[in-house]
């Protein structure tokens, strides 16, 4: 499914100006249809899935208890 820059800005909760800047910098793949840029929405779905997975891994890491080390000596 293709979105216009305005629709993509709403989907990603970003400004349309930033979307256009990213297109000009070739950070977002887009097609010029003669009147406007259109962007394949699927390229962001994969990115958003990966970001959710990273967030979950970070939360797991944060919640992991710190193991007791047997090498620690109580020195005063």
PDB file of N, CA and C in Angstrom:
ATOM      1  N   UNK A   1       0.850  -1.171   0.000  1.00  0.00           N
ATOM      2  CA  UNK A   1       0.000   0.000   0.000  1.00  0.00           C
ATOM      3  C   UNK A   1       0.900   1.241   0.000  1.00  0.00           C
ATOM      4  N   UNK A   2       0.598   2.167  -0.851  1.00  0.00           N
ATOM      5  CA  UNK A   2       1.373   3.400  -0.951  1.00  0.00           C
ATOM      6  C   UNK A   2       0.660   4.538  -0.245  1.00  0.00           C
ATOM      7  N   UNK A   3       1.450   5.386   0.417  1.00  0.00           N
ATOM      8  CA  UNK A   3       0.929   6.540   1.139  1.00  0.00           C
ATOM      9  C   UNK A   3       1.568   7.809   0.595  1.00  0.00           C
ATOM     10  N   UNK A   4       0.840   8.892   0.650  1.00  0.00           N
ATOM     11  CA  UNK A   4       1.431  10.185   0.323  1.00  0.00           C
ATOM     12  C   UNK A   4       2.277  10.633   1.515  1.00  0.00           C
ATOM     13  N   UNK A   5       3.058  11.671   1.321  1.00  0.00           N
ATOM     14  CA  UNK A   5       3.885  12.157   2.424  1.00  0.00           C
ATOM     15  C   UNK A   5       3.031  12.660   3.585  1.00  0.00           C
ATOM     16  N   UNK A   6       1.890  13.229   3.267  1.00  0.00           N
ATOM     17  CA  UNK A   6       0.989  13.713   4.318  1.00  0.00           C
ATOM     18  C   UNK A   6       0.420  12.546   5.129  1.00  0.00           C
ATOM     19  N   UNK A   7      -0.001  11.495   4.441  1.00  0.00           N
ATOM     20  CA  UNK A   7      -0.538  10.310   5.122  1.00  0.00           C
ATOM     21  C   UNK A   7       0.549   9.612   5.936  1.00  0.00           C
ATOM     22  N   UNK A   8       1.755   9.555   5.377  1.00  0.00           N
ATOM     23  CA  UNK A   8       2.871   8.921   6.086  1.00  0.00           C
ATOM     24  C   UNK A   8       3.231   9.714   7.336  1.00  0.00           C
ATOM     25  N   UNK A   9       3.210  11.028   7.243  1.00  0.00           N
ATOM     26  CA  UNK A   9       3.498  11.857   8.413  1.00  0.00           C
ATOM     27  C   UNK A   9       2.495  11.588   9.533  1.00  0.00           C
ATOM     28  N   UNK A  10       1.242  11.434   9.179  1.00  0.00           N
ATOM     29  CA  UNK A  10       0.222  11.121  10.189  1.00  0.00           C
ATOM     30  C   UNK A  10       0.426   9.717  10.758  1.00  0.00           C
ATOM     31  N   UNK A  11       0.785   8.760   9.907  1.00  0.00           N
ATOM     32  CA  UNK A  11       0.996   7.371  10.325  1.00  0.00           C
ATOM     33  C   UNK A  11       2.168   7.257  11.293  1.00  0.00           C
ATOM     34  N   UNK A  12       3.256   7.984  11.010  1.00  0.00           N
ATOM     35  CA  UNK A  12       4.453   7.915  11.843  1.00  0.00           C
ATOM     36  C   UNK A  12       4.492   8.985  12.930  1.00  0.00           C
ATOM     37  N   UNK A  13       3.473   9.848  12.969  1.00  0.00           N
ATOM     38  CA  UNK A  13       3.396  10.941  13.931  1.00  0.00           C
ATOM     39  C   UNK A  13       4.639  11.831  13.827  1.00  0.00           C
ATOM     40  N   UNK A  14       4.929  12.245  12.596  1.00  0.00           N
ATOM     41  CA  UNK A  14       6.057  13.126  12.298  1.00  0.00           C
ATOM     42  C   UNK A  14       5.534  14.264  11.424  1.00  0.00           C
ATOM     43  N   UNK A  15       6.353  15.276  11.247  1.00  0.00           N
ATOM     44  CA  UNK A  15       5.936  16.371  10.372  1.00  0.00           C
ATOM     45  C   UNK A  15       6.179  15.970   8.916  1.00  0.00           C
ATOM     46  N   UNK A  16       5.363  16.528   8.031  1.00  0.00           N
ATOM     47  CA  UNK A  16       5.526  16.239   6.611  1.00  0.00           C
ATOM     48  C   UNK A  16       6.855  16.787   6.100  1.00  0.00           C
ATOM     49  N   UNK A  17       7.297  17.890   6.664  1.00  0.00           N
ATOM     50  CA  UNK A  17       8.575  18.483   6.280  1.00  0.00           C
ATOM     51  C   UNK A  17       9.723  17.520   6.578  1.00  0.00           C
ATOM     52  N   UNK A  18       9.679  16.859   7.731  1.00  0.00           N
ATOM     53  CA  UNK A  18      10.722  15.896   8.085  1.00  0.00           C
ATOM     54  C   UNK A  18      10.686  14.687   7.149  1.00  0.00           C
ATOM     55  N   UNK A  19       9.498  14.240   6.783  1.00  0.00           N
ATOM     56  CA  UNK A  19       9.362  13.124   5.843  1.00  0.00           C
ATOM     57  C   UNK A  19      10.008  13.490   4.506  1.00  0.00           C
ATOM     58  N   UNK A  20       9.730  14.692   4.015  1.00  0.00           N
ATOM     59  CA  UNK A  20      10.322  15.136   2.750  1.00  0.00           C
ATOM     60  C   UNK A  20      11.840  15.232   2.852  1.00  0.00           C
ATOM     61  N   UNK A  21      12.324  15.721   3.975  1.00  0.00           N
ATOM     62  CA  UNK A  21      13.772  15.826   4.173  1.00  0.00           C
ATOM     63  C   UNK A  21      14.414  14.433   4.134  1.00  0.00           C
ATOM     64  N   UNK A  22      13.790  13.463   4.788  1.00  0.00           N
ATOM     65  CA  UNK A  22      14.318  12.099   4.786  1.00  0.00           C
ATOM     66  C   UNK A  22      14.271  11.481   3.390  1.00  0.00           C
ATOM     67  N   UNK A  23      13.274  11.835   2.604  1.00  0.00           N
ATOM     68  CA  UNK A  23      13.201  11.362   1.220  1.00  0.00           C
ATOM     69  C   UNK A  23      14.348  11.957   0.413  1.00  0.00           C
ATOM     70  N   UNK A  24      14.584  13.256   0.569  1.00  0.00           N
ATOM     71  CA  UNK A  24      15.666  13.929  -0.168  1.00  0.00           C
ATOM     72  C   UNK A  24      17.036  13.373   0.221  1.00  0.00           C
ATOM     73  N   UNK A  25      17.174  12.935   1.479  1.00  0.00           N
ATOM     74  CA  UNK A  25      18.435  12.363   1.954  1.00  0.00           C
ATOM     75  C   UNK A  25      18.540  10.861   1.644  1.00  0.00           C
ATOM     76  N   UNK A  26      17.551  10.326   0.922  1.00  0.00           N
ATOM     77  CA  UNK A  26      17.486   8.902   0.556  1.00  0.00           C
ATOM     78  C   UNK A  26      17.435   7.976   1.767  1.00  0.00           C
ATOM     79  N   UNK A  27      16.886   8.441   2.857  1.00  0.00           N
ATOM     80  CA  UNK A  27      16.704   7.595   4.036  1.00  0.00           C
ATOM     81  C   UNK A  27      15.343   6.908   4.010  1.00  0.00           C
ATOM     82  N   UNK A  28      14.422   7.448   3.208  1.00  0.00           N
ATOM     83  CA  UNK A  28      13.123   6.835   2.964  1.00  0.00           C
ATOM     84  C   UNK A  28      13.009   6.627   1.459  1.00  0.00           C
ATOM     85  N   UNK A  29      12.685   5.399   1.078  1.00  0.00           N
ATOM     86  CA  UNK A  29      12.494   5.118  -0.352  1.00  0.00           C
ATOM     87  C   UNK A  29      11.128   5.616  -0.783  1.00  0.00           C
ATOM     88  N   UNK A  30      11.116   6.395  -1.857  1.00  0.00           N
ATOM     89  CA  UNK A  30       9.864   6.974  -2.348  1.00  0.00           C
ATOM     90  C   UNK A  30       9.884   7.015  -3.870  1.00  0.00           C
ATOM     91  N   UNK A  31       8.688   7.156  -4.439  1.00  0.00           N
ATOM     92  CA  UNK A  31       8.523   7.234  -5.889  1.00  0.00           C
ATOM     93  C   UNK A  31       7.821   8.548  -6.202  1.00  0.00           C
ATOM     94  N   UNK A  32       8.327   9.255  -7.183  1.00  0.00           N
ATOM     95  CA  UNK A  32       7.680  10.489  -7.645  1.00  0.00           C
ATOM     96  C   UNK A  32       6.680  10.091  -8.724  1.00  0.00           C
ATOM     97  N   UNK A  33       5.398  10.366  -8.524  1.00  0.00           N
ATOM     98  CA  UNK A  33       4.370   9.965  -9.490  1.00  0.00           C
ATOM     99  C   UNK A  33       4.015  11.075 -10.468  1.00  0.00           C
ATOM    100  N   UNK A  34       4.808  12.128 -10.478  1.00  0.00           N
ATOM    101  CA  UNK A  34       4.547  13.242 -11.372  1.00  0.00           C
ATOM    102  C   UNK A  34       3.953  14.435 -10.664  1.00  0.00           C
ATOM    103  N   UNK A  35       3.339  14.199  -9.518  1.00  0.00           N
ATOM    104  CA  UNK A  35       2.723  15.279  -8.748  1.00  0.00           C
ATOM    105  C   UNK A  35       3.214  15.312  -7.310  1.00  0.00           C
ATOM    106  N   UNK A  36       3.485  14.147  -6.770  1.00  0.00           N
ATOM    107  CA  UNK A  36       3.883  14.058  -5.368  1.00  0.00           C
ATOM    108  C   UNK A  36       4.682  12.779  -5.144  1.00  0.00           C
ATOM    109  N   UNK A  37       5.327  12.711  -3.991  1.00  0.00           N
ATOM    110  CA  UNK A  37       6.030  11.492  -3.612  1.00  0.00           C
ATOM    111  C   UNK A  37       5.034  10.529  -2.986  1.00  0.00           C
ATOM    112  N   UNK A  38       5.177   9.261  -3.321  1.00  0.00           N
ATOM    113  CA  UNK A  38       4.409   8.216  -2.642  1.00  0.00           C
ATOM    114  C   UNK A  38       5.401   7.218  -2.071  1.00  0.00           C
ATOM    115  N   UNK A  39       5.052   6.659  -0.919  1.00  0.00           N
ATOM    116  CA  UNK A  39       5.958   5.815  -0.157  1.00  0.00           C
ATOM    117  C   UNK A  39       5.263   4.499   0.157  1.00  0.00           C
ATOM    118  N   UNK A  40       5.992   3.410  -0.001  1.00  0.00           N
ATOM    119  CA  UNK A  40       5.465   2.098   0.337  1.00  0.00           C
ATOM    120  C   UNK A  40       5.420   1.963   1.864  1.00  0.00           C
ATOM    121  N   UNK A  41       4.243   1.745   2.390  1.00  0.00           N
ATOM    122  CA  UNK A  41       4.039   1.661   3.835  1.00  0.00           C
ATOM    123  C   UNK A  41       4.732   0.442   4.442  1.00  0.00           C
ATOM    124  N   UNK A  42       4.902  -0.602   3.665  1.00  0.00           N
ATOM    125  CA  UNK A  42       5.454  -1.853   4.174  1.00  0.00           C
ATOM    126  C   UNK A  42       6.876  -1.693   4.719  1.00  0.00           C
ATOM    127  N   UNK A  43       7.662  -0.775   4.161  1.00  0.00           N
ATOM    128  CA  UNK A  43       9.031  -0.597   4.651  1.00  0.00           C
ATOM    129  C   UNK A  43       9.047  -0.123   6.098  1.00  0.00           C
ATOM    130  N   UNK A  44       7.994   0.540   6.552  1.00  0.00           N
ATOM    131  CA  UNK A  44       7.930   1.006   7.931  1.00  0.00           C
ATOM    132  C   UNK A  44       7.344  -0.042   8.862  1.00  0.00           C
ATOM    133  N   UNK A  45       6.492  -0.909   8.340  1.00  0.00           N
ATOM    134  CA  UNK A  45       5.930  -1.968   9.179  1.00  0.00           C
ATOM    135  C   UNK A  45       7.030  -2.868   9.723  1.00  0.00           C
ATOM    136  N   UNK A  46       7.969  -3.250   8.877  1.00  0.00           N
ATOM    137  CA  UNK A  46       9.074  -4.100   9.318  1.00  0.00           C
ATOM    138  C   UNK A  46       9.927  -3.361  10.353  1.00  0.00           C
ATOM    139  N   UNK A  47      10.196  -2.094  10.112  1.00  0.00           N
ATOM    140  CA  UNK A  47      10.991  -1.302  11.052  1.00  0.00           C
ATOM    141  C   UNK A  47      10.284  -1.195  12.403  1.00  0.00           C
ATOM    142  N   UNK A  48       8.989  -0.932  12.379  1.00  0.00           N
ATOM    143  CA  UNK A  48       8.242  -0.798  13.631  1.00  0.00           C
ATOM    144  C   UNK A  48       8.201  -2.114  14.402  1.00  0.00           C
ATOM    145  N   UNK A  49       8.105  -3.239  13.688  1.00  0.00           N
ATOM    146  CA  UNK A  49       8.139  -4.547  14.353  1.00  0.00           C
ATOM    147  C   UNK A  49       9.487  -4.772  15.025  1.00  0.00           C
ATOM    148  N   UNK A  50      10.567  -4.419  14.337  1.00  0.00           N
ATOM    149  CA  UNK A  50      11.898  -4.592  14.906  1.00  0.00           C
ATOM    150  C   UNK A  50      12.093  -3.697  16.126  1.00  0.00           C
ATOM    151  N   UNK A  51      11.571  -2.484  16.076  1.00  0.00           N
ATOM    152  CA  UNK A  51      11.689  -1.576  17.210  1.00  0.00           C
ATOM    153  C   UNK A  51      10.928  -2.106  18.423  1.00  0.00           C
ATOM    154  N   UNK A  52       9.764  -2.695  18.207  1.00  0.00           N
ATOM    155  CA  UNK A  52       9.010  -3.285  19.310  1.00  0.00           C
ATOM    156  C   UNK A  52       9.780  -4.445  19.935  1.00  0.00           C
ATOM    157  N   UNK A  53      10.416  -5.246  19.091  1.00  0.00           N
ATOM    158  CA  UNK A  53      11.206  -6.378  19.587  1.00  0.00           C
ATOM    159  C   UNK A  53      12.383  -5.882  20.422  1.00  0.00           C
ATOM    160  N   UNK A  54      13.042  -4.828  19.976  1.00  0.00           N
ATOM    161  CA  UNK A  54      14.164  -4.258  20.722  1.00  0.00           C
ATOM    162  C   UNK A  54      13.684  -3.726  22.067  1.00  0.00           C
ATOM    163  N   UNK A  55      12.539  -3.046  22.083  1.00  0.00           N
ATOM    164  CA  UNK A  55      11.994  -2.531  23.342  1.00  0.00           C
ATOM    165  C   UNK A  55      11.714  -3.670  24.323  1.00  0.00           C
ATOM    166  N   UNK A  56      11.162  -4.774  23.823  1.00  0.00           N
ATOM    167  CA  UNK A  56      10.881  -5.928  24.679  1.00  0.00           C
ATOM    168  C   UNK A  56      12.167  -6.513  25.241  1.00  0.00           C
ATOM    169  N   UNK A  57      13.201  -6.632  24.410  1.00  0.00           N
ATOM    170  CA  UNK A  57      14.475  -7.166  24.874  1.00  0.00           C
ATOM    171  C   UNK A  57      15.112  -6.267  25.929  1.00  0.00           C
ATOM    172  N   UNK A  58      14.994  -4.970  25.763  1.00  0.00           N
ATOM    173  CA  UNK A  58      15.541  -4.033  26.745  1.00  0.00           C
ATOM    174  C   UNK A  58      14.793  -4.162  28.064  1.00  0.00           C
ATOM    175  N   UNK A  59      13.476  -4.297  28.002  1.00  0.00           N
ATOM    176  CA  UNK A  59      12.688  -4.460  29.225  1.00  0.00           C
ATOM    177  C   UNK A  59      13.052  -5.759  29.943  1.00  0.00           C
ATOM    178  N   UNK A  60      13.241  -6.832  29.194  1.00  0.00           N
ATOM    179  CA  UNK A  60      13.666  -8.100  29.803  1.00  0.00           C
ATOM    180  C   UNK A  60      15.013  -7.932  30.484  1.00  0.00           C
ATOM    181  N   UNK A  61      15.930  -7.253  29.814  1.00  0.00           N
ATOM    182  CA  UNK A  61      17.259  -7.046  30.361  1.00  0.00           C
ATOM    183  C   UNK A  61      17.195  -6.213  31.644  1.00  0.00           C
ATOM    184  N   UNK A  62      16.345  -5.170  31.649  1.00  0.00           N
ATOM    185  CA  UNK A  62      16.210  -4.322  32.830  1.00  0.00           C
ATOM    186  C   UNK A  62      15.630  -5.095  34.018  1.00  0.00           C
ATOM    187  N   UNK A  63      14.712  -6.000  33.745  1.00  0.00           N
ATOM    188  CA  UNK A  63      14.026  -6.728  34.813  1.00  0.00           C
ATOM    189  C   UNK A  63      14.779  -7.969  35.281  1.00  0.00           C
ATOM    190  N   UNK A  64      15.863  -8.298  34.625  1.00  0.00           N
ATOM    191  CA  UNK A  64      16.638  -9.478  35.012  1.00  0.00           C
ATOM    192  C   UNK A  64      17.378  -9.182  36.319  1.00  0.00           C
ATOM    193  N   UNK A  65      17.261 -10.068  37.295  1.00  0.00           N
ATOM    194  CA  UNK A  65      17.928  -9.811  38.571  1.00  0.00           C
ATOM    195  C   UNK A  65      19.452  -9.909  38.425  1.00  0.00           C
ATOM    196  N   UNK A  66      20.131  -9.141  39.241  1.00  0.00           N
ATOM    197  CA  UNK A  66      21.591  -9.172  39.232  1.00  0.00           C
ATOM    198  C   UNK A  66      22.030 -10.387  40.037  1.00  0.00           C
ATOM    199  N   UNK A  67      22.821 -11.279  39.429  1.00  0.00           N
ATOM    200  CA  UNK A  67      23.247 -12.474  40.162  1.00  0.00           C
ATOM    201  C   UNK A  67      24.282 -12.125  41.227  1.00  0.00           C
ATOM    202  N   UNK A  68      24.249 -12.902  42.284  1.00  0.00           N
ATOM    203  CA  UNK A  68      25.244 -12.700  43.325  1.00  0.00           C
ATOM    204  C   UNK A  68      26.567 -13.261  42.843  1.00  0.00           C
ATOM    205  N   UNK A  69      27.597 -12.526  43.085  1.00  0.00           N
ATOM    206  CA  UNK A  69      28.920 -12.973  42.688  1.00  0.00           C
ATOM    207  C   UNK A  69      29.591 -13.611  43.902  1.00  0.00           C
ATOM    208  N   UNK A  70      30.153 -14.776  43.676  1.00  0.00           N
ATOM    209  CA  UNK A  70      30.822 -15.475  44.758  1.00  0.00           C
ATOM    210  C   UNK A  70      32.241 -14.943  44.962  1.00  0.00           C
ATOM    211  N   UNK A  71      32.718 -14.129  44.080  1.00  0.00           N
ATOM    212  CA  UNK A  71      34.056 -13.587  44.171  1.00  0.00           C
ATOM    213  C   UNK A  71      34.128 -12.293  44.963  1.00  0.00           C
ATOM    214  N   UNK A  72      32.977 -11.745  45.287  1.00  0.00           N
ATOM    215  CA  UNK A  72      32.956 -10.481  46.018  1.00  0.00           C
ATOM    216  C   UNK A  72      33.292 -10.746  47.482  1.00  0.00           C
ATOM    217  N   UNK A  73      34.256  -9.989  47.985  1.00  0.00           N
ATOM    218  CA  UNK A  73      34.644 -10.135  49.399  1.00  0.00           C
ATOM    219  C   UNK A  73      34.215  -8.896  50.143  1.00  0.00           C
ATOM    220  N   UNK A  74      33.767  -9.092  51.329  1.00  0.00           N
ATOM    221  CA  UNK A  74      33.367  -7.968  52.163  1.00  0.00           C
ATOM    222  C   UNK A  74      34.595  -7.419  52.855  1.00  0.00           C
ATOM    223  N   UNK A  75      35.146  -6.367  52.297  1.00  0.00           N
ATOM    224  CA  UNK A  75      36.336  -5.773  52.873  1.00  0.00           C
ATOM    225  C   UNK A  75      35.980  -4.413  53.440  1.00  0.00           C
ATOM    226  N   UNK A  76      36.348  -4.199  54.666  1.00  0.00           N
ATOM    227  CA  UNK A  76      36.069  -2.907  55.305  1.00  0.00           C
ATOM    228  C   UNK A  76      37.272  -2.065  55.343  1.00  0.00           C
TER     229      UNK A  76
END
